[in-house]
PDB file of N, CA and C in Angstrom:
ATOM      1  N   MET A   1     305.669 127.890 310.944  1.00  0.00           N
ATOM      2  CA  MET A   1     306.410 128.513 310.059  1.00  0.00           C
ATOM      3  C   MET A   1     307.678 128.711 310.727  1.00  0.00           C
ATOM      4  N   LYS A   2     308.814 128.437 309.780  1.00  0.00           N
ATOM      5  CA  LYS A   2     310.258 128.788 310.311  1.00  0.00           C
ATOM      6  C   LYS A   2     310.697 130.176 309.969  1.00  0.00           C
ATOM      7  N   LEU A   3     310.967 130.832 310.996  1.00  0.00           N
ATOM      8  CA  LEU A   3     311.615 132.201 310.862  1.00  0.00           C
ATOM      9  C   LEU A   3     313.151 132.021 310.500  1.00  0.00           C
ATOM     10  N   LEU A   4     313.734 132.724 309.533  1.00  0.00           N
ATOM     11  CA  LEU A   4     315.138 132.710 309.326  1.00  0.00           C
ATOM     12  C   LEU A   4     315.715 133.581 310.001  1.00  0.00           C
ATOM     13  N   PRO A   5     317.058 133.374 310.675  1.00  0.00           N
ATOM     14  CA  PRO A   5     317.811 134.512 311.317  1.00  0.00           C
ATOM     15  C   PRO A   5     318.402 135.338 310.464  1.00  0.00           C
ATOM     16  N   PRO A   6     318.333 136.609 310.946  1.00  0.00           N
ATOM     17  CA  PRO A   6     318.836 137.740 310.190  1.00  0.00           C
ATOM     18  C   PRO A   6     320.232 137.570 309.581  1.00  0.00           C
ATOM     19  N   THR A   7     320.481 138.046 308.458  1.00  0.00           N
ATOM     20  CA  THR A   7     321.881 137.889 307.554  1.00  0.00           C
ATOM     21  C   THR A   7     322.442 138.848 308.302  1.00  0.00           C
ATOM     22  N   PRO A   8     323.759 138.482 308.871  1.00  0.00           N
ATOM     23  CA  PRO A   8     324.764 139.408 309.630  1.00  0.00           C
ATOM     24  C   PRO A   8     325.390 140.523 308.393  1.00  0.00           C
ATOM     25  N   ARG A   9     325.591 141.278 308.674  1.00  0.00           N
ATOM     26  CA  ARG A   9     326.280 142.387 307.871  1.00  0.00           C
ATOM     27  C   ARG A   9     327.851 142.275 307.654  1.00  0.00           C
ATOM     28  N   VAL A  10     328.222 142.227 306.454  1.00  0.00           N
ATOM     29  CA  VAL A  10     329.696 141.962 306.153  1.00  0.00           C
ATOM     30  C   VAL A  10     330.390 143.349 306.034  1.00  0.00           C
ATOM     31  N   THR A  11     331.376 143.517 306.714  1.00  0.00           N
ATOM     32  CA  THR A  11     332.103 144.517 306.921  1.00  0.00           C
ATOM     33  C   THR A  11     333.574 144.179 306.925  1.00  0.00           C
ATOM     34  N   GLY A  12     334.545 145.209 306.681  1.00  0.00           N
ATOM     35  CA  GLY A  12     335.861 144.768 306.806  1.00  0.00           C
ATOM     36  C   GLY A  12     336.450 145.248 308.182  1.00  0.00           C
ATOM     37  N   SER A  13     337.261 144.203 308.500  1.00  0.00           N
ATOM     38  CA  SER A  13     337.800 144.180 310.015  1.00  0.00           C
ATOM     39  C   SER A  13     337.073 144.810 311.026  1.00  0.00           C
ATOM     40  N   GLY A  14     335.958 144.591 311.250  1.00  0.00           N
ATOM     41  CA  GLY A  14     334.912 144.926 312.172  1.00  0.00           C
ATOM     42  C   GLY A  14     334.439 146.424 312.154  1.00  0.00           C
ATOM     43  N   HIS A  15     334.738 147.175 311.297  1.00  0.00           N
ATOM     44  CA  HIS A  15     334.166 148.493 311.113  1.00  0.00           C
ATOM     45  C   HIS A  15     332.682 148.255 310.428  1.00  0.00           C
ATOM     46  N   THR A  16     332.018 149.349 310.801  1.00  0.00           N
ATOM     47  CA  THR A  16     330.664 149.415 310.012  1.00  0.00           C
ATOM     48  C   THR A  16     330.943 150.469 308.812  1.00  0.00           C
ATOM     49  N   THR A  17     330.096 150.460 308.147  1.00  0.00           N
ATOM     50  CA  THR A  17     330.327 151.379 307.116  1.00  0.00           C
ATOM     51  C   THR A  17     330.164 152.961 307.414  1.00  0.00           C
ATOM     52  N   SER A  18     329.230 153.249 308.478  1.00  0.00           N
ATOM     53  CA  SER A  18     329.240 154.471 308.797  1.00  0.00           C
ATOM     54  C   SER A  18     330.569 154.928 309.687  1.00  0.00           C
ATOM     55  N   THR A  19     331.106 154.033 310.455  1.00  0.00           N
ATOM     56  CA  THR A  19     332.493 154.381 310.995  1.00  0.00           C
ATOM     57  C   THR A  19     333.524 154.514 309.955  1.00  0.00           C
ATOM     58  N   GLN A  20     333.580 153.954 308.841  1.00  0.00           N
ATOM     59  CA  GLN A  20     334.570 154.073 307.813  1.00  0.00           C
ATOM     60  C   GLN A  20     334.455 155.292 307.273  1.00  0.00           C
ATOM     61  N   GLY A  21     333.017 155.642 306.797  1.00  0.00           N
ATOM     62  CA  GLY A  21     332.845 156.999 306.303  1.00  0.00           C
ATOM     63  C   GLY A  21     333.054 157.923 307.264  1.00  0.00           C
ATOM     64  N   MET A  22     332.960 158.118 308.675  1.00  0.00           N
ATOM     65  CA  MET A  22     333.289 159.169 309.385  1.00  0.00           C
ATOM     66  C   MET A  22     334.653 159.226 309.520  1.00  0.00           C
ATOM     67  N   ASP A  23     335.484 158.147 309.644  1.00  0.00           N
ATOM     68  CA  ASP A  23     336.839 158.144 309.725  1.00  0.00           C
ATOM     69  C   ASP A  23     337.371 158.889 308.462  1.00  0.00           C
ATOM     70  N   ALA A  24     336.921 158.435 307.266  1.00  0.00           N
ATOM     71  CA  ALA A  24     337.421 159.098 306.106  1.00  0.00           C
ATOM     72  C   ALA A  24     337.033 160.609 306.183  1.00  0.00           C
ATOM     73  N   ALA A  25     335.872 161.173 306.433  1.00  0.00           N
ATOM     74  CA  ALA A  25     335.517 162.440 306.633  1.00  0.00           C
ATOM     75  C   ALA A  25     336.309 163.275 307.589  1.00  0.00           C
ATOM     76  N   LEU A  26     336.685 162.831 308.568  1.00  0.00           N
ATOM     77  CA  LEU A  26     337.495 163.361 309.574  1.00  0.00           C
ATOM     78  C   LEU A  26     338.886 163.518 309.246  1.00  0.00           C
ATOM     79  N   THR A  27     339.648 162.392 308.599  1.00  0.00           N
ATOM     80  CA  THR A  27     340.840 162.415 308.125  1.00  0.00           C
ATOM     81  C   THR A  27     340.919 163.607 306.879  1.00  0.00           C
ATOM     82  N   LEU A  28     339.987 163.514 306.206  1.00  0.00           N
ATOM     83  CA  LEU A  28     339.876 164.626 304.984  1.00  0.00           C
ATOM     84  C   LEU A  28     340.070 166.149 305.681  1.00  0.00           C
ATOM     85  N   VAL A  29     339.288 166.148 306.704  1.00  0.00           N
ATOM     86  CA  VAL A  29     339.153 167.410 307.440  1.00  0.00           C
ATOM     87  C   VAL A  29     340.506 167.921 308.016  1.00  0.00           C
ATOM     88  N   LEU A  30     340.934 167.005 308.518  1.00  0.00           N
ATOM     89  CA  LEU A  30     342.260 167.167 309.407  1.00  0.00           C
ATOM     90  C   LEU A  30     343.412 167.399 308.456  1.00  0.00           C
ATOM     91  N   PHE A  31     343.509 166.928 307.409  1.00  0.00           N
ATOM     92  CA  PHE A  31     344.570 167.328 306.550  1.00  0.00           C
ATOM     93  C   PHE A  31     344.151 168.459 305.826  1.00  0.00           C
ATOM     94  N   PHE A  32     342.901 168.966 305.506  1.00  0.00           N
ATOM     95  CA  PHE A  32     342.800 170.274 305.160  1.00  0.00           C
ATOM     96  C   PHE A  32     342.994 171.342 305.992  1.00  0.00           C
ATOM     97  N   VAL A  33     342.727 170.978 307.419  1.00  0.00           N
ATOM     98  CA  VAL A  33     343.002 171.860 308.357  1.00  0.00           C
ATOM     99  C   VAL A  33     344.624 172.202 308.408  1.00  0.00           C
ATOM    100  N   ILE A  34     345.617 171.037 308.472  1.00  0.00           N
ATOM    101  CA  ILE A  34     346.891 171.296 308.719  1.00  0.00           C
ATOM    102  C   ILE A  34     347.330 172.101 307.329  1.00  0.00           C
ATOM    103  N   GLY A  35     346.894 171.694 306.221  1.00  0.00           N
ATOM    104  CA  GLY A  35     347.142 172.555 304.855  1.00  0.00           C
ATOM    105  C   GLY A  35     346.865 173.784 305.184  1.00  0.00           C
ATOM    106  N   PHE A  36     345.786 174.145 305.668  1.00  0.00           N
ATOM    107  CA  PHE A  36     345.393 175.736 305.749  1.00  0.00           C
ATOM    108  C   PHE A  36     346.520 176.154 306.860  1.00  0.00           C
ATOM    109  N   GLY A  37     346.673 175.450 307.934  1.00  0.00           N
ATOM    110  CA  GLY A  37     347.724 176.061 308.883  1.00  0.00           C
ATOM    111  C   GLY A  37     349.089 176.505 308.256  1.00  0.00           C
ATOM    112  N   LEU A  38     349.591 175.196 307.515  1.00  0.00           N
ATOM    113  CA  LEU A  38     350.730 175.566 306.640  1.00  0.00           C
ATOM    114  C   LEU A  38     350.711 176.689 305.862  1.00  0.00           C
ATOM    115  N   ASP A  39     349.601 176.636 304.979  1.00  0.00           N
ATOM    116  CA  ASP A  39     349.498 177.841 304.064  1.00  0.00           C
ATOM    117  C   ASP A  39     349.752 179.132 304.662  1.00  0.00           C
ATOM    118  N   ARG A  40     348.721 179.366 305.844  1.00  0.00           N
ATOM    119  CA  ARG A  40     348.992 180.442 306.481  1.00  0.00           C
ATOM    120  C   ARG A  40     350.379 180.893 307.134  1.00  0.00           C
ATOM    121  N   TRP A  41     350.844 180.014 307.716  1.00  0.00           N
ATOM    122  CA  TRP A  41     352.410 180.010 308.297  1.00  0.00           C
ATOM    123  C   TRP A  41     353.261 180.405 307.219  1.00  0.00           C
ATOM    124  N   LEU A  42     353.212 179.854 305.923  1.00  0.00           N
ATOM    125  CA  LEU A  42     354.169 180.063 304.910  1.00  0.00           C
ATOM    126  C   LEU A  42     354.087 180.849 303.702  1.00  0.00           C
ATOM    127  N   GLY A  43     352.500 181.412 303.800  1.00  0.00           N
ATOM    128  CA  GLY A  43     352.134 182.338 302.765  1.00  0.00           C
ATOM    129  C   GLY A  43     351.847 181.778 301.345  1.00  0.00           C
ATOM    130  N   THR A  44     351.519 180.432 301.402  1.00  0.00           N
ATOM    131  CA  THR A  44     351.593 179.691 300.165  1.00  0.00           C
ATOM    132  C   THR A  44     350.008 179.515 299.807  1.00  0.00           C
ATOM    133  N   THR A  45     349.120 179.905 300.255  1.00  0.00           N
ATOM    134  CA  THR A  45     347.533 179.783 299.878  1.00  0.00           C
ATOM    135  C   THR A  45     347.218 179.700 298.557  1.00  0.00           C
ATOM    136  N   PRO A  46     346.543 178.567 298.319  1.00  0.00           N
ATOM    137  CA  PRO A  46     345.888 177.466 298.756  1.00  0.00           C
ATOM    138  C   PRO A  46     346.777 176.298 298.436  1.00  0.00           C
ATOM    139  N   TRP A  47     347.794 176.317 298.253  1.00  0.00           N
ATOM    140  CA  TRP A  47     348.587 174.987 297.854  1.00  0.00           C
ATOM    141  C   TRP A  47     348.689 174.003 298.858  1.00  0.00           C
ATOM    142  N   PHE A  48     349.134 174.040 300.102  1.00  0.00           N
ATOM    143  CA  PHE A  48     349.007 172.938 301.015  1.00  0.00           C
ATOM    144  C   PHE A  48     347.845 172.334 301.340  1.00  0.00           C
ATOM    145  N   MET A  49     346.643 173.393 301.284  1.00  0.00           N
ATOM    146  CA  MET A  49     345.350 172.810 301.536  1.00  0.00           C
ATOM    147  C   MET A  49     344.921 171.886 300.306  1.00  0.00           C
ATOM    148  N   ILE A  50     345.085 172.342 299.147  1.00  0.00           N
ATOM    149  CA  ILE A  50     344.686 171.453 298.001  1.00  0.00           C
ATOM    150  C   ILE A  50     345.789 170.155 298.111  1.00  0.00           C
ATOM    151  N   ALA A  51     346.871 170.114 298.269  1.00  0.00           N
ATOM    152  CA  ALA A  51     347.673 168.954 297.919  1.00  0.00           C
ATOM    153  C   ALA A  51     347.594 168.048 299.347  1.00  0.00           C
ATOM    154  N   LEU A  52     347.440 168.281 300.469  1.00  0.00           N
ATOM    155  CA  LEU A  52     347.022 167.707 301.449  1.00  0.00           C
ATOM    156  C   LEU A  52     345.766 166.984 301.396  1.00  0.00           C
ATOM    157  N   SER A  53     344.753 167.722 300.812  1.00  0.00           N
ATOM    158  CA  SER A  53     343.347 167.156 300.769  1.00  0.00           C
ATOM    159  C   SER A  53     343.253 166.137 299.660  1.00  0.00           C
ATOM    160  N   LEU A  54     344.127 166.387 298.581  1.00  0.00           N
ATOM    161  CA  LEU A  54     344.183 165.375 297.492  1.00  0.00           C
ATOM    162  C   LEU A  54     344.797 164.168 298.166  1.00  0.00           C
ATOM    163  N   LEU A  55     345.991 164.241 298.857  1.00  0.00           N
ATOM    164  CA  LEU A  55     346.796 163.216 299.444  1.00  0.00           C
ATOM    165  C   LEU A  55     345.589 162.437 300.283  1.00  0.00           C
ATOM    166  N   ALA A  56     345.013 162.819 301.192  1.00  0.00           N
ATOM    167  CA  ALA A  56     344.072 162.264 302.029  1.00  0.00           C
ATOM    168  C   ALA A  56     342.981 161.471 301.190  1.00  0.00           C
ATOM    169  N   GLY A  57     342.656 162.231 300.498  1.00  0.00           N
ATOM    170  CA  GLY A  57     341.228 161.609 299.439  1.00  0.00           C
ATOM    171  C   GLY A  57     341.845 160.204 298.681  1.00  0.00           C
ATOM    172  N   VAL A  58     342.920 160.457 297.889  1.00  0.00           N
ATOM    173  CA  VAL A  58     343.511 159.446 297.349  1.00  0.00           C
ATOM    174  C   VAL A  58     343.933 158.165 298.198  1.00  0.00           C
ATOM    175  N   GLY A  59     344.649 158.755 299.434  1.00  0.00           N
ATOM    176  CA  GLY A  59     345.046 157.675 300.205  1.00  0.00           C
ATOM    177  C   GLY A  59     343.962 156.648 300.812  1.00  0.00           C
ATOM    178  N   TYR A  60     342.665 157.428 300.998  1.00  0.00           N
ATOM    179  CA  TYR A  60     341.488 156.552 301.546  1.00  0.00           C
ATOM    180  C   TYR A  60     340.958 155.898 300.563  1.00  0.00           C
ATOM    181  N   PHE A  61     340.812 156.172 299.248  1.00  0.00           N
ATOM    182  CA  PHE A  61     340.587 155.311 298.207  1.00  0.00           C
ATOM    183  C   PHE A  61     341.382 154.116 297.983  1.00  0.00           C
ATOM    184  N   VAL A  62     342.678 154.243 297.946  1.00  0.00           N
ATOM    185  CA  VAL A  62     343.554 153.095 297.808  1.00  0.00           C
ATOM    186  C   VAL A  62     343.381 152.180 298.933  1.00  0.00           C
ATOM    187  N   LYS A  63     343.115 152.930 300.261  1.00  0.00           N
ATOM    188  CA  LYS A  63     342.793 151.849 301.531  1.00  0.00           C
ATOM    189  C   LYS A  63     341.734 151.065 301.400  1.00  0.00           C
ATOM    190  N   PHE A  64     340.660 151.772 300.845  1.00  0.00           N
ATOM    191  CA  PHE A  64     339.203 151.323 300.796  1.00  0.00           C
ATOM    192  C   PHE A  64     339.479 149.940 299.510  1.00  0.00           C
ATOM    193  N   LYS A  65     340.181 150.346 298.534  1.00  0.00           N
ATOM    194  CA  LYS A  65     340.339 149.298 297.513  1.00  0.00           C
ATOM    195  C   LYS A  65     340.986 148.044 298.127  1.00  0.00           C
ATOM    196  N   TYR A  66     342.182 148.273 298.567  1.00  0.00           N
ATOM    197  CA  TYR A  66     343.044 147.033 299.105  1.00  0.00           C
ATOM    198  C   TYR A  66     342.123 146.423 300.303  1.00  0.00           C
ATOM    199  N   ARG A  67     341.389 146.897 301.015  1.00  0.00           N
ATOM    200  CA  ARG A  67     340.506 146.272 301.990  1.00  0.00           C
ATOM    201  C   ARG A  67     339.501 145.558 301.491  1.00  0.00           C
ATOM    202  N   TYR A  68     338.940 146.055 300.313  1.00  0.00           N
ATOM    203  CA  TYR A  68     338.030 145.394 299.562  1.00  0.00           C
ATOM    204  C   TYR A  68     338.391 144.228 298.944  1.00  0.00           C
ATOM    205  N   ASP A  69     339.513 144.414 298.447  1.00  0.00           N
ATOM    206  CA  ASP A  69     340.161 143.053 297.612  1.00  0.00           C
ATOM    207  C   ASP A  69     340.608 141.798 298.553  1.00  0.00           C
ATOM    208  N   ALA A  70     341.095 142.316 299.806  1.00  0.00           N
ATOM    209  CA  ALA A  70     341.272 141.475 300.850  1.00  0.00           C
ATOM    210  C   ALA A  70     340.026 140.776 301.470  1.00  0.00           C
ATOM    211  N   GLU A  71     339.147 141.465 301.625  1.00  0.00           N
ATOM    212  CA  GLU A  71     337.637 140.687 302.194  1.00  0.00           C
ATOM    213  C   GLU A  71     337.253 139.812 300.866  1.00  0.00           C
ATOM    214  N   MET A  72     337.332 140.289 299.659  1.00  0.00           N
ATOM    215  CA  MET A  72     336.774 139.440 298.602  1.00  0.00           C
ATOM    216  C   MET A  72     337.425 138.328 298.526  1.00  0.00           C
ATOM    217  N   ASP A  73     338.813 138.209 298.481  1.00  0.00           N
ATOM    218  CA  ASP A  73     339.804 137.027 298.477  1.00  0.00           C
ATOM    219  C   ASP A  73     339.488 136.257 299.745  1.00  0.00           C
ATOM    220  N   ARG A  74     339.107 136.842 300.926  1.00  0.00           N
ATOM    221  CA  ARG A  74     338.876 136.024 302.064  1.00  0.00           C
ATOM    222  C   ARG A  74     337.453 135.252 301.761  1.00  0.00           C
ATOM    223  N   HIS A  75     336.377 136.045 301.403  1.00  0.00           N
ATOM    224  CA  HIS A  75     335.075 135.192 300.849  1.00  0.00           C
ATOM    225  C   HIS A  75     335.367 134.287 300.040  1.00  0.00           C
ATOM    226  N   GLU A  76     336.032 134.518 299.135  1.00  0.00           N
ATOM    227  CA  GLU A  76     336.177 133.505 298.046  1.00  0.00           C
ATOM    228  C   GLU A  76     336.787 132.327 298.516  1.00  0.00           C
ATOM    229  N   THR A  77     337.791 132.423 299.195  1.00  0.00           N
ATOM    230  CA  THR A  77     338.570 131.324 300.051  1.00  0.00           C
ATOM    231  C   THR A  77     337.431 130.500 300.858  1.00  0.00           C
ATOM    232  N   GLU A  78     336.682 130.971 301.350  1.00  0.00           N
ATOM    233  CA  GLU A  78     335.631 130.343 302.200  1.00  0.00           C
ATOM    234  C   GLU A  78     334.693 129.630 301.559  1.00  0.00           C
ATOM    235  N   ARG A  79     334.227 130.365 300.512  1.00  0.00           N
ATOM    236  CA  ARG A  79     333.227 129.859 299.454  1.00  0.00           C
ATOM    237  C   ARG A  79     333.655 128.552 298.711  1.00  0.00           C
ATOM    238  N   GLN A  80     335.129 128.817 298.584  1.00  0.00           N
ATOM    239  CA  GLN A  80     335.778 127.518 297.773  1.00  0.00           C
ATOM    240  C   GLN A  80     335.899 126.447 298.889  1.00  0.00           C
ATOM    241  N   ALA A  81     336.018 126.608 300.036  1.00  0.00           N
ATOM    242  CA  ALA A  81     336.263 125.575 301.113  1.00  0.00           C
ATOM    243  C   ALA A  81     335.073 124.932 301.306  1.00  0.00           C
ATOM    244  N   LYS A  82     333.796 125.700 301.316  1.00  0.00           N
ATOM    245  CA  LYS A  82     332.734 125.062 301.608  1.00  0.00           C
ATOM    246  C   LYS A  82     332.245 124.207 300.347  1.00  0.00           C
ATOM    247  N   LEU A  83     332.687 124.637 299.208  1.00  0.00           N
ATOM    248  CA  LEU A  83     332.322 123.911 297.836  1.00  0.00           C
ATOM    249  C   LEU A  83     333.214 122.561 297.793  1.00  0.00           C
ATOM    250  N   ASP A  84     334.409 122.469 298.340  1.00  0.00           N
ATOM    251  CA  ASP A  84     334.955 121.430 298.515  1.00  0.00           C
ATOM    252  C   ASP A  84     334.772 120.406 299.634  1.00  0.00           C
ATOM    253  N   ASP A  85     334.178 120.905 300.688  1.00  0.00           N
ATOM    254  CA  ASP A  85     333.588 120.111 301.686  1.00  0.00           C
ATOM    255  C   ASP A  85     332.253 119.414 301.243  1.00  0.00           C
ATOM    256  N   ALA A  86     331.679 120.067 300.382  1.00  0.00           N
ATOM    257  CA  ALA A  86     330.395 119.570 299.912  1.00  0.00           C
ATOM    258  C   ALA A  86     330.516 118.399 298.848  1.00  0.00           C
ATOM    259  N   ARG A  87     331.536 118.585 298.119  1.00  0.00           N
ATOM    260  CA  ARG A  87     331.797 117.364 297.167  1.00  0.00           C
ATOM    261  C   ARG A  87     331.936 115.965 297.656  1.00  0.00           C
ATOM    262  N   PRO A  88     331.311 115.165 296.974  1.00  0.00           N
ATOM    263  CA  PRO A  88     331.371 113.885 297.399  1.00  0.00           C
ATOM    264  C   PRO A  88     332.895 113.196 297.204  1.00  0.00           C
ATOM    265  N   PRO A  89     333.346 112.197 297.999  1.00  0.00           N
ATOM    266  CA  PRO A  89     334.473 111.847 297.715  1.00  0.00           C
ATOM    267  C   PRO A  89     334.913 110.930 296.550  1.00  0.00           C
ATOM    268  N   ARG A  90     335.798 110.796 295.885  1.00  0.00           N
ATOM    269  CA  ARG A  90     335.909 110.170 294.634  1.00  0.00           C
ATOM    270  C   ARG A  90     336.332 108.571 295.017  1.00  0.00           C
TER     271      ARG A  90
END
């Protein structure tokens, strides 16, 4: 019986999904804390907390979208190259 090797996990730029999730969560918390500090200093509670938290969230969604698109383009290019190599010459 032939055992198949495990399929490697595909992630963008060497990051695991747990690393990406932790990075996003810590960035959101950092922006929230900065907004909290600005609000206390300027007396504008809760506007900077809300604005900076939304900015961090939207920024991460955009970053994930662009990373995903780049990764899919790379995979499509590799797939097309394999198909071209497998075709018999004319």
